[in-house]
Amino acid sequence: MNNKQTYVSVSELNRYLGYKFETDALLQKVYLEGEISNFKRSGNHYYFSLKDAFSEISAMFFYPANVSLSFIPTDGMKVQVVGKIQIYQKRGTYSIIVSSIQQVGIGLLYEKYLALKNKLDEEGLFLESHKMKVPEYPEVVGVITALTGEAINDIISTFNRRLPLAKIKLFPAIVQGEEAPKSLIKALDLAYKDETLDCLIIGRGGGSFEDLNCFNDESLARKLYEAPFPTISAVGHEGDYTICDFVCSFRAPTPTGAAMKLTKDKKDVNELIVNYSKRLSTGIKNKLVNGFNNWKSISSSYGLAKFDEIIDIKEQQLNDLNNRLNLLSPTVLAKKLDDKICDLSFRLDNSINNYFNSKELMLESINKRLRKELVIDFIENKNNDVNNLVGKVELLYSKKINESTVVFNHLIEKCTILNPLNIIKKGYTIVYKDENIVYNVNELNHNDKVKIKFTDGAATATINEIIKNEEI
């Protein structure tokens, strides 16, 4: 019996275990739930331990797989991770290589948060055009947060530390849990009725995503959208985002940041006052100097130096104008106009009478000259003259018509003699080429098509031979 044992090296054992890890399908995608501890960052990579009440395992979340992570892991945070198990052969330790991670219970809440965010964004509740400008020096600031807690204490202490010009009005509300949204909406209703408020802070201190989830309520977002004054969201820490942050007029990273936005540092305000004082002093001084120079220039002007003389001249001019106005007054002008109208009326009446008298005398003279006998004799003489002229005209027209008839008949005889159709009746014809009369053989060519016109019709022919006079 051979009792000799075979020993392997540590590397061989770890290599064998690595092979087992890699070939075990159950270890290629492992779902673990536990609490984060010893969280560290090295460059863009995350290293931590995942533990429960009895044991722990090392975990590594490498870049770029961790780029899409929406939160920063912290010690004590309960998470769910997905990854594969690998052995580090050099040390003989194994770890889970994380491919995704989410807070326990946060997955469904976060999905609802994203869905609501997209919905309200599409409806326009996040538009910058709807948001109001936060006042630089508010007099009354409303605060909606827990009655006792770090948020209100941080806001009050920040106001007191800087420049406590504003009055703070607290509208207490529940800021965590299922009843928180209703409580926050009720506080908003009370704040909206307060006409003294210049702006409003709504928020709370830091916490987990679940703790802040009451600020992701749809009804609360729509109530904030109706705000009659600027609103400031101050929920959680720098990396925490809620629906309220997108609806409010301004997002502050923390409640302290909201108080910082609404206050001024005493030193800055003092410097601003000093600068304004200097500018005001310089402006007043320049105004006084310019005013003095203007006064000096005016006082030495001709108008002031000769003021009495100018007044006397203007007074004399005024008197002259008054005299002219008196002469041109409506009463004086109306009297002069009446006098002129009476004079013109008198002269017009005389002229009309003289005109009619002269015309009446002229009419009497004409009547005396136009006796009935003389008019009748004159008309009879003119009638005889007209009858003689009519007789002469009739003789002339008759002679002219007879002469024209003779000339016309002569022209008809000539046209009859020269009519080509009459000539054709005697045995002659007319030859056409291309609808044009052919006058001599020089216009014809061999094979030309011609038309021959007779008295009773026409015929076509082709030129086969051309015989000129010298060839006959």
Protein backbone atom coordinates (compact mmCIF):
# COMPACT_ATOMS: atom_id res chain seq x y z
CA MET A 1 0.00 0.00 0.00
CA ASN A 2 1.40 3.34 -1.09
CA ASN A 3 0.78 5.98 1.58
CA LYS A 4 2.85 8.61 -0.20
CA GLN A 5 0.91 11.94 -0.42
CA THR A 6 1.02 14.31 -3.45
CA TYR A 7 1.49 17.92 -2.45
CA VAL A 8 0.49 20.84 -4.73
CA SER A 9 1.64 24.42 -4.60
CA VAL A 10 -0.50 27.28 -3.32
CA SER A 11 -0.60 28.76 -6.83
CA GLU A 12 -1.85 25.46 -8.23
CA LEU A 13 -4.59 25.32 -5.63
CA ASN A 14 -5.68 28.92 -6.22
CA ARG A 15 -5.55 28.34 -9.96
CA TYR A 16 -7.77 25.28 -9.54
CA LEU A 17 -10.20 27.22 -7.36
CA GLY A 18 -10.19 30.04 -9.96
CA TYR A 19 -11.10 27.48 -12.62
CA LYS A 20 -13.93 26.22 -10.43
CA PHE A 21 -15.22 29.75 -9.87
CA GLU A 22 -15.14 30.53 -13.58
CA THR A 23 -16.89 27.32 -14.63
CA ASP A 24 -19.61 27.44 -12.00
CA ALA A 25 -22.66 29.01 -13.70
CA LEU A 26 -24.19 29.93 -10.34
CA LEU A 27 -21.25 32.22 -9.60
CA GLN A 28 -21.38 34.14 -12.91
CA LYS A 29 -24.43 36.20 -11.94
CA VAL A 30 -24.98 36.50 -8.20
CA TYR A 31 -27.67 38.63 -6.53
CA LEU A 32 -26.57 39.85 -3.09
CA GLU A 33 -28.14 42.07 -0.48
CA GLY A 34 -26.18 43.59 2.37
CA GLU A 35 -24.83 46.67 4.09
CA ILE A 36 -21.91 48.71 2.75
CA SER A 37 -18.86 49.15 4.96
CA ASN A 38 -15.31 50.47 4.44
CA PHE A 39 -16.32 52.29 1.27
CA LYS A 40 -13.33 53.75 -0.63
CA ARG A 41 -12.69 55.37 -3.99
CA SER A 42 -9.52 54.94 -6.00
CA GLY A 43 -9.57 56.98 -9.16
CA ASN A 44 -12.88 56.14 -10.83
CA HIS A 45 -13.22 52.74 -9.10
CA TYR A 46 -15.20 51.89 -5.94
CA TYR A 47 -14.05 49.37 -3.29
CA PHE A 48 -16.13 48.28 -0.31
CA SER A 49 -17.33 45.35 1.75
CA LEU A 50 -20.81 43.93 1.69
CA LYS A 51 -21.88 42.41 5.01
CA ASP A 52 -24.78 41.09 7.01
CA ALA A 53 -25.05 40.13 10.68
CA PHE A 54 -22.74 37.11 10.35
CA SER A 55 -20.28 37.55 7.46
CA GLU A 56 -18.98 39.82 4.73
CA ILE A 57 -17.51 39.72 1.23
CA SER A 58 -15.24 42.15 -0.62
CA ALA A 59 -16.81 44.01 -3.50
CA MET A 60 -15.40 46.05 -6.40
CA PHE A 61 -17.37 48.36 -8.70
CA PHE A 62 -15.13 49.35 -11.60
CA TYR A 63 -15.29 52.22 -14.11
CA PRO A 64 -17.11 52.63 -16.49
CA ALA A 65 -19.81 50.32 -15.10
CA ASN A 66 -20.32 52.76 -12.20
CA VAL A 67 -20.85 55.85 -14.40
CA SER A 68 -24.65 55.51 -14.49
CA LEU A 69 -24.93 55.26 -10.68
CA SER A 70 -27.41 57.92 -9.48
CA PHE A 71 -26.14 58.04 -5.87
CA ILE A 72 -22.86 57.87 -3.96
CA PRO A 73 -22.59 54.70 -1.82
CA THR A 74 -21.87 55.36 1.84
CA ASP A 75 -21.08 53.21 4.85
CA GLY A 76 -24.16 51.75 6.47
CA MET A 77 -26.24 51.97 3.30
CA LYS A 78 -28.26 48.85 2.59
CA VAL A 79 -27.97 47.87 -1.06
CA GLN A 80 -28.69 45.14 -3.56
CA VAL A 81 -25.90 44.29 -6.00
CA VAL A 82 -25.55 42.08 -9.05
CA GLY A 83 -22.17 40.67 -10.08
CA LYS A 84 -19.93 37.63 -10.54
CA ILE A 85 -17.57 35.95 -8.08
CA GLN A 86 -13.87 35.96 -8.88
CA ILE A 87 -10.83 34.72 -6.95
CA TYR A 88 -7.71 36.79 -6.60
CA GLN A 89 -5.16 33.97 -7.07
CA LYS A 90 -2.22 35.90 -5.71
CA ARG A 91 -3.79 36.25 -2.26
CA GLY A 92 -6.29 33.42 -2.40
CA THR A 93 -9.20 35.74 -1.64
CA TYR A 94 -12.39 36.06 -3.56
CA SER A 95 -14.65 39.06 -4.26
CA ILE A 96 -17.79 40.01 -6.09
CA ILE A 97 -17.24 42.16 -9.19
CA VAL A 98 -20.32 44.40 -9.19
CA SER A 99 -22.12 45.20 -12.45
CA SER A 100 -25.07 47.12 -10.94
CA ILE A 101 -26.15 48.40 -7.56
CA GLN A 102 -29.26 49.95 -6.06
CA GLN A 103 -30.41 50.93 -2.62
CA VAL A 104 -32.76 48.47 -0.98
CA GLY A 105 -36.33 49.51 -1.68
CA ILE A 106 -35.17 52.38 -3.85
CA GLY A 107 -35.52 50.74 -7.27
CA LEU A 108 -39.28 51.01 -7.65
CA LEU A 109 -39.35 54.43 -5.99
CA TYR A 110 -36.70 55.73 -8.34
CA GLU A 111 -38.54 54.43 -11.39
CA LYS A 112 -41.69 56.19 -10.22
CA TYR A 113 -39.63 59.33 -9.63
CA LEU A 114 -38.26 59.29 -13.19
CA ALA A 115 -41.71 58.62 -14.71
CA LEU A 116 -43.26 61.53 -12.79
CA LYS A 117 -40.34 63.80 -13.69
CA ASN A 118 -40.78 63.08 -17.41
CA LYS A 119 -44.55 63.56 -17.20
CA LEU A 120 -44.37 66.95 -15.47
CA ASP A 121 -41.55 68.06 -17.74
CA GLU A 122 -43.67 67.33 -20.82
CA GLU A 123 -46.56 69.29 -19.29
CA GLY A 124 -44.30 72.35 -18.89
CA LEU A 125 -44.12 72.51 -15.07
CA PHE A 126 -40.33 72.89 -15.23
CA LEU A 127 -40.22 75.75 -17.78
CA GLU A 128 -37.86 78.57 -16.85
CA SER A 129 -40.31 81.10 -18.31
CA HIS A 130 -42.80 80.27 -15.53
CA LYS A 131 -40.30 80.71 -12.70
CA MET A 132 -40.13 84.03 -10.85
CA LYS A 133 -37.00 85.97 -9.92
CA VAL A 134 -35.93 85.58 -6.31
CA PRO A 135 -35.88 88.98 -4.54
CA GLU A 136 -32.45 90.30 -3.63
CA TYR A 137 -33.54 91.90 -0.33
CA PRO A 138 -36.74 90.17 0.86
CA GLU A 139 -38.51 91.60 3.88
CA VAL A 140 -40.60 88.57 4.85
CA VAL A 141 -39.50 84.99 4.08
CA GLY A 142 -41.77 82.00 4.59
CA VAL A 143 -40.27 78.61 5.53
CA ILE A 144 -42.00 75.25 5.22
CA THR A 145 -40.13 72.54 7.13
CA ALA A 146 -40.26 70.57 10.35
CA LEU A 147 -40.90 72.57 13.50
CA THR A 148 -37.86 71.02 15.13
CA GLY A 149 -34.91 69.99 13.07
CA GLU A 150 -31.63 71.07 11.57
CA ALA A 151 -33.21 72.78 8.55
CA ILE A 152 -35.00 75.59 10.41
CA ASN A 153 -32.07 76.01 12.80
CA ASP A 154 -29.63 76.30 9.88
CA ILE A 155 -31.84 78.85 8.14
CA ILE A 156 -32.29 81.02 11.23
CA SER A 157 -28.62 80.89 12.19
CA THR A 158 -27.56 81.79 8.63
CA PHE A 159 -29.93 84.77 8.55
CA ASN A 160 -28.67 85.98 11.95
CA ARG A 161 -25.01 85.47 11.03
CA ARG A 162 -25.22 87.43 7.81
CA LEU A 163 -27.54 90.44 7.49
CA PRO A 164 -30.78 89.83 9.43
CA LEU A 165 -33.03 92.21 7.49
CA ALA A 166 -35.81 89.76 6.72
CA LYS A 167 -38.50 88.44 9.01
CA ILE A 168 -38.91 84.64 8.98
CA LYS A 169 -42.35 83.03 9.15
CA LEU A 170 -42.42 79.29 9.82
CA PHE A 171 -45.22 77.11 8.45
CA PRO A 172 -44.56 73.76 10.18
CA ALA A 173 -45.08 70.54 8.23
CA ILE A 174 -44.20 66.87 8.30
CA VAL A 175 -41.21 66.29 6.00
CA GLN A 176 -40.94 62.49 6.01
CA GLY A 177 -43.31 59.57 5.63
CA GLU A 178 -46.66 58.89 3.99
CA GLU A 179 -48.45 61.83 5.62
CA ALA A 180 -45.76 64.33 4.61
CA PRO A 181 -47.16 65.35 1.16
CA LYS A 182 -50.58 66.25 2.60
CA SER A 183 -48.93 68.17 5.44
CA LEU A 184 -46.67 70.06 3.01
CA ILE A 185 -49.64 70.97 0.76
CA LYS A 186 -51.61 72.21 3.77
CA ALA A 187 -48.66 74.41 4.79
CA LEU A 188 -48.46 75.77 1.22
CA ASP A 189 -52.15 76.70 1.31
CA LEU A 190 -51.57 78.69 4.50
CA ALA A 191 -48.49 80.39 3.04
CA TYR A 192 -50.31 81.38 -0.18
CA LYS A 193 -52.92 83.22 1.90
CA ASP A 194 -50.21 85.32 3.59
CA GLU A 195 -49.92 88.48 1.46
CA THR A 196 -46.86 89.72 3.38
CA LEU A 197 -44.51 87.01 2.05
CA ASP A 198 -41.91 88.00 -0.54
CA CYS A 199 -40.75 84.42 -1.16
CA LEU A 200 -40.87 80.91 0.33
CA ILE A 201 -38.34 78.20 1.26
CA ILE A 202 -39.53 74.58 1.29
CA GLY A 203 -37.22 71.76 2.33
CA ARG A 204 -35.51 69.69 4.99
CA GLY A 205 -32.10 68.34 5.92
CA GLY A 206 -30.34 65.36 4.37
CA GLY A 207 -31.50 61.77 4.34
CA SER A 208 -31.90 58.70 2.18
CA PHE A 209 -33.83 58.70 -1.07
CA GLU A 210 -36.75 57.14 0.76
CA ASP A 211 -36.64 59.86 3.41
CA LEU A 212 -36.80 62.59 0.76
CA ASN A 213 -39.38 60.84 -1.39
CA CYS A 214 -42.29 62.89 0.00
CA PHE A 215 -40.93 65.82 -2.04
CA ASN A 216 -41.52 63.74 -5.21
CA ASP A 217 -45.30 63.85 -4.80
CA GLU A 218 -47.30 64.92 -7.90
CA SER A 219 -49.96 66.87 -5.99
CA LEU A 220 -47.25 68.74 -4.09
CA ALA A 221 -45.48 69.61 -7.38
CA ARG A 222 -48.68 71.00 -8.90
CA LYS A 223 -49.39 73.03 -5.76
CA LEU A 224 -45.87 74.52 -5.92
CA TYR A 225 -46.47 75.39 -9.59
CA GLU A 226 -49.39 77.63 -8.47
CA ALA A 227 -47.19 79.70 -6.11
CA PRO A 228 -47.97 83.47 -6.27
CA PHE A 229 -44.40 84.37 -5.27
CA PRO A 230 -40.88 82.97 -5.85
CA THR A 231 -40.17 79.59 -4.24
CA ILE A 232 -36.86 78.03 -3.24
CA SER A 233 -36.37 74.28 -2.93
CA ALA A 234 -33.85 73.24 -0.25
CA VAL A 235 -34.19 69.49 0.10
CA GLY A 236 -31.36 67.29 1.37
CA HIS A 237 -27.74 67.73 0.30
CA GLU A 238 -25.90 68.79 -2.86
CA GLY A 239 -26.34 65.45 -4.65
CA ASP A 240 -30.04 65.01 -3.77
CA TYR A 241 -32.61 65.93 -6.41
CA THR A 242 -36.38 65.89 -6.01
CA ILE A 243 -39.33 66.97 -8.15
CA CYS A 244 -39.65 70.12 -6.03
CA ASP A 245 -36.17 71.19 -7.19
CA PHE A 246 -37.37 71.33 -10.80
CA VAL A 247 -40.71 73.09 -10.11
CA CYS A 248 -39.50 75.82 -7.74
CA SER A 249 -38.13 79.12 -8.95
CA PHE A 250 -34.69 78.31 -7.54
CA ARG A 251 -32.94 75.17 -6.26
CA ALA A 252 -30.63 75.51 -3.29
CA PRO A 253 -28.29 72.61 -2.47
CA THR A 254 -29.18 72.76 1.25
CA PRO A 255 -31.40 74.79 3.61
CA THR A 256 -28.29 76.79 4.50
CA GLY A 257 -27.76 77.47 0.78
CA ALA A 258 -31.33 78.79 0.54
CA ALA A 259 -30.70 81.19 3.42
CA MET A 260 -27.46 82.28 1.76
CA LYS A 261 -29.39 83.04 -1.46
CA LEU A 262 -31.82 85.34 0.38
CA THR A 263 -29.29 87.20 2.52
CA LYS A 264 -26.23 89.33 1.98
CA ASP A 265 -22.96 89.26 3.81
CA LYS A 266 -22.59 92.27 6.09
CA LYS A 267 -19.16 93.05 4.68
CA ASP A 268 -20.44 92.97 1.11
CA VAL A 269 -23.41 95.19 1.96
CA ASN A 270 -21.17 97.66 3.79
CA GLU A 271 -18.85 97.84 0.80
CA LEU A 272 -21.84 98.31 -1.50
CA ILE A 273 -23.19 101.12 0.70
CA VAL A 274 -19.77 102.79 0.78
CA ASN A 275 -19.54 102.59 -3.02
CA TYR A 276 -23.05 103.98 -3.42
CA SER A 277 -22.22 106.75 -0.92
CA LYS A 278 -19.10 107.70 -2.87
CA ARG A 279 -20.99 107.69 -6.15
CA LEU A 280 -23.81 109.75 -4.59
CA SER A 281 -21.36 112.24 -3.09
CA THR A 282 -19.55 112.59 -6.41
CA GLY A 283 -22.85 112.97 -8.27
CA ILE A 284 -24.08 115.70 -5.87
CA LYS A 285 -20.77 117.53 -6.10
CA ASN A 286 -20.82 117.44 -9.90
CA LYS A 287 -24.44 118.61 -9.86
CA LEU A 288 -23.59 121.58 -7.63
CA VAL A 289 -20.55 122.54 -9.72
CA ASN A 290 -22.55 122.34 -12.94
CA GLY A 291 -25.38 124.34 -11.36
CA PHE A 292 -22.99 127.05 -10.19
CA ASN A 293 -21.35 127.28 -13.61
CA ASN A 294 -24.76 127.53 -15.26
CA TRP A 295 -25.83 130.26 -12.83
CA LYS A 296 -22.63 132.19 -13.44
CA SER A 297 -23.06 131.93 -17.18
CA ILE A 298 -26.69 133.06 -17.03
CA SER A 299 -26.05 135.92 -14.60
CA SER A 300 -23.41 137.41 -16.92
CA SER A 301 -25.55 137.08 -20.04
CA TYR A 302 -26.90 140.08 -21.97
CA GLY A 303 -30.45 139.29 -20.97
CA LEU A 304 -29.83 139.79 -17.27
CA ALA A 305 -27.33 142.64 -17.69
CA LYS A 306 -29.78 144.70 -19.79
CA PHE A 307 -32.89 143.37 -18.12
CA ASP A 308 -34.54 146.81 -17.46
CA GLU A 309 -33.91 148.07 -20.98
CA ILE A 310 -35.25 144.87 -22.51
CA ILE A 311 -38.38 145.08 -20.33
CA ASP A 312 -38.97 148.72 -21.44
CA ILE A 313 -38.64 147.75 -25.08
CA LYS A 314 -40.97 144.81 -24.68
CA GLU A 315 -43.47 147.03 -22.83
CA GLN A 316 -43.45 149.56 -25.69
CA GLN A 317 -43.93 146.75 -28.18
CA LEU A 318 -46.84 145.51 -26.10
CA ASN A 319 -48.49 148.93 -26.14
CA ASP A 320 -48.09 149.14 -29.91
CA LEU A 321 -49.67 145.77 -30.32
CA ASN A 322 -52.58 146.77 -28.07
CA ASN A 323 -53.21 149.90 -30.18
CA ARG A 324 -53.13 147.86 -33.38
CA LEU A 325 -55.48 145.31 -31.86
CA ASN A 326 -57.88 148.06 -30.85
CA LEU A 327 -57.87 149.41 -34.39
CA LEU A 328 -58.40 145.90 -35.73
CA SER A 329 -61.01 144.93 -33.18
CA PRO A 330 -64.15 143.17 -34.51
CA THR A 331 -66.38 146.13 -33.61
CA VAL A 332 -64.32 148.66 -35.57
CA LEU A 333 -63.86 146.34 -38.51
CA ALA A 334 -67.59 145.52 -38.56
CA LYS A 335 -68.53 149.24 -38.68
CA LYS A 336 -66.08 149.88 -41.54
CA LEU A 337 -67.43 146.85 -43.37
CA ASP A 338 -71.03 148.04 -42.94
CA ASP A 339 -70.09 151.44 -44.37
CA LYS A 340 -68.40 149.86 -47.37
CA ILE A 341 -71.37 147.56 -47.96
CA CYS A 342 -73.82 150.51 -47.87
CA ASP A 343 -71.66 152.47 -50.30
CA LEU A 344 -71.33 149.51 -52.67
CA SER A 345 -75.07 148.82 -52.46
CA PHE A 346 -75.88 152.43 -53.35
CA ARG A 347 -73.42 152.42 -56.26
CA LEU A 348 -74.73 149.06 -57.47
CA ASP A 349 -78.36 150.24 -57.42
CA ASN A 350 -77.42 153.32 -59.50
CA SER A 351 -75.49 151.21 -61.98
CA ILE A 352 -78.34 148.73 -62.42
CA ASN A 353 -80.89 151.52 -62.93
CA ASN A 354 -78.67 153.28 -65.48
CA TYR A 355 -78.11 149.96 -67.33
CA PHE A 356 -81.80 149.12 -67.59
CA ASN A 357 -82.65 152.67 -68.65
CA SER A 358 -80.11 152.56 -71.46
CA LYS A 359 -81.32 149.17 -72.65
CA GLU A 360 -84.95 150.36 -72.56
CA LEU A 361 -84.06 153.32 -74.77
CA MET A 362 -82.18 151.02 -77.17
CA LEU A 363 -85.20 148.70 -77.40
CA GLU A 364 -87.51 151.58 -78.25
CA SER A 365 -85.14 152.68 -81.01
CA ILE A 366 -85.03 149.17 -82.50
CA ASN A 367 -88.81 148.83 -82.41
CA LYS A 368 -89.14 152.07 -84.32
CA ARG A 369 -86.67 150.86 -86.99
CA LEU A 370 -88.32 147.42 -87.43
CA ARG A 371 -91.61 148.15 -89.18
CA LYS A 372 -93.75 145.24 -90.38
CA GLU A 373 -93.79 146.22 -94.08
CA LEU A 374 -90.01 146.49 -94.32
CA VAL A 375 -89.51 143.04 -92.80
CA ILE A 376 -91.99 141.33 -95.18
CA ASP A 377 -90.39 142.91 -98.28
CA PHE A 378 -86.94 141.84 -97.09
CA ILE A 379 -88.06 138.22 -96.60
CA GLU A 380 -89.72 138.02 -100.05
CA ASN A 381 -86.57 139.27 -101.78
CA LYS A 382 -84.43 136.73 -100.01
CA ASN A 383 -86.90 133.94 -100.93
CA ASN A 384 -86.65 134.83 -104.62
CA ASP A 385 -82.86 134.77 -104.45
CA VAL A 386 -82.96 131.29 -102.91
CA ASN A 387 -85.30 129.95 -105.64
CA ASN A 388 -82.99 131.25 -108.40
CA LEU A 389 -79.98 129.56 -106.77
CA VAL A 390 -81.84 126.24 -106.46
CA GLY A 391 -82.64 126.25 -110.18
CA LYS A 392 -79.03 126.88 -111.11
CA VAL A 393 -77.80 124.07 -108.85
CA GLU A 394 -80.28 121.58 -110.38
CA LEU A 395 -79.06 122.38 -113.91
CA LEU A 396 -75.41 121.95 -112.89
CA TYR A 397 -76.06 118.58 -111.16
CA SER A 398 -78.02 117.24 -114.18
CA LYS A 399 -75.25 118.16 -116.59
CA LYS A 400 -72.61 116.59 -114.31
CA ILE A 401 -74.58 113.35 -114.01
CA ASN A 402 -74.97 113.02 -117.83
CA GLU A 403 -71.25 113.53 -118.39
CA SER A 404 -70.35 110.94 -115.71
CA THR A 405 -72.78 108.39 -117.28
CA VAL A 406 -71.06 108.70 -120.66
CA VAL A 407 -67.59 108.19 -119.08
CA PHE A 408 -68.82 105.20 -117.06
CA ASN A 409 -70.30 103.43 -120.12
CA HIS A 410 -67.04 103.96 -122.01
CA LEU A 411 -65.04 102.37 -119.16
CA ILE A 412 -67.39 99.35 -119.11
CA GLU A 413 -66.77 98.75 -122.83
CA LYS A 414 -62.98 98.88 -122.31
CA CYS A 415 -63.18 96.40 -119.38
CA THR A 416 -65.30 94.03 -121.50
CA ILE A 417 -62.77 94.16 -124.34
CA LEU A 418 -59.80 93.58 -121.98
CA ASN A 419 -61.44 90.81 -119.87
CA PRO A 420 -59.18 87.67 -120.09
CA LEU A 421 -62.22 85.39 -120.02
CA ASN A 422 -63.58 86.95 -123.16
CA ILE A 423 -60.19 86.43 -124.78
CA ILE A 424 -60.19 82.77 -123.68
CA LYS A 425 -63.56 82.27 -125.39
CA LYS A 426 -61.77 82.97 -128.66
CA GLY A 427 -59.54 79.89 -128.16
CA TYR A 428 -56.82 81.28 -125.90
CA THR A 429 -55.75 79.81 -122.52
CA ILE A 430 -53.91 80.99 -119.39
CA VAL A 431 -51.02 78.99 -117.94
CA TYR A 432 -50.35 79.01 -114.18
CA LYS A 433 -47.24 77.80 -112.33
CA ASP A 434 -47.52 77.74 -108.53
CA GLU A 435 -50.73 79.82 -108.82
CA ASN A 436 -48.79 82.53 -110.75
CA ILE A 437 -49.46 83.39 -114.45
CA VAL A 438 -46.66 82.31 -116.80
CA TYR A 439 -45.88 85.08 -119.26
CA ASN A 440 -42.98 83.48 -121.22
CA VAL A 441 -41.15 80.16 -121.59
CA ASN A 442 -38.16 81.41 -119.65
CA GLU A 443 -40.21 81.00 -116.50
CA LEU A 444 -40.59 77.24 -117.14
CA ASN A 445 -38.26 74.33 -116.44
CA HIS A 446 -38.27 70.71 -117.54
CA ASN A 447 -40.83 68.56 -115.58
CA ASP A 448 -42.56 71.64 -114.07
CA LYS A 449 -46.20 71.07 -113.10
CA VAL A 450 -48.51 73.71 -114.66
CA LYS A 451 -52.29 74.42 -114.72
CA ILE A 452 -54.00 75.50 -117.92
CA LYS A 453 -57.14 77.66 -117.53
CA PHE A 454 -59.99 77.26 -120.17
CA THR A 455 -63.37 79.01 -120.34
CA ASP A 456 -65.18 75.99 -118.98
CA GLY A 457 -62.55 74.59 -116.58
CA ALA A 458 -58.83 73.81 -116.16
CA ALA A 459 -56.28 71.05 -116.83
CA THR A 460 -52.82 70.13 -115.43
CA ALA A 461 -49.76 69.28 -117.46
CA THR A 462 -46.05 68.44 -117.15
CA ILE A 463 -43.45 70.31 -119.21
CA ASN A 464 -41.60 67.75 -121.31
CA GLU A 465 -39.91 70.12 -123.77
CA ILE A 466 -39.27 73.86 -123.95
CA ILE A 467 -39.10 75.47 -127.46
CA LYS A 468 -38.03 79.07 -127.68
CA ASN A 469 -38.74 81.43 -130.59
CA GLU A 470 -35.26 81.16 -132.05
CA GLU A 471 -35.64 77.41 -132.19
CA ILE A 472 -38.97 77.37 -134.07
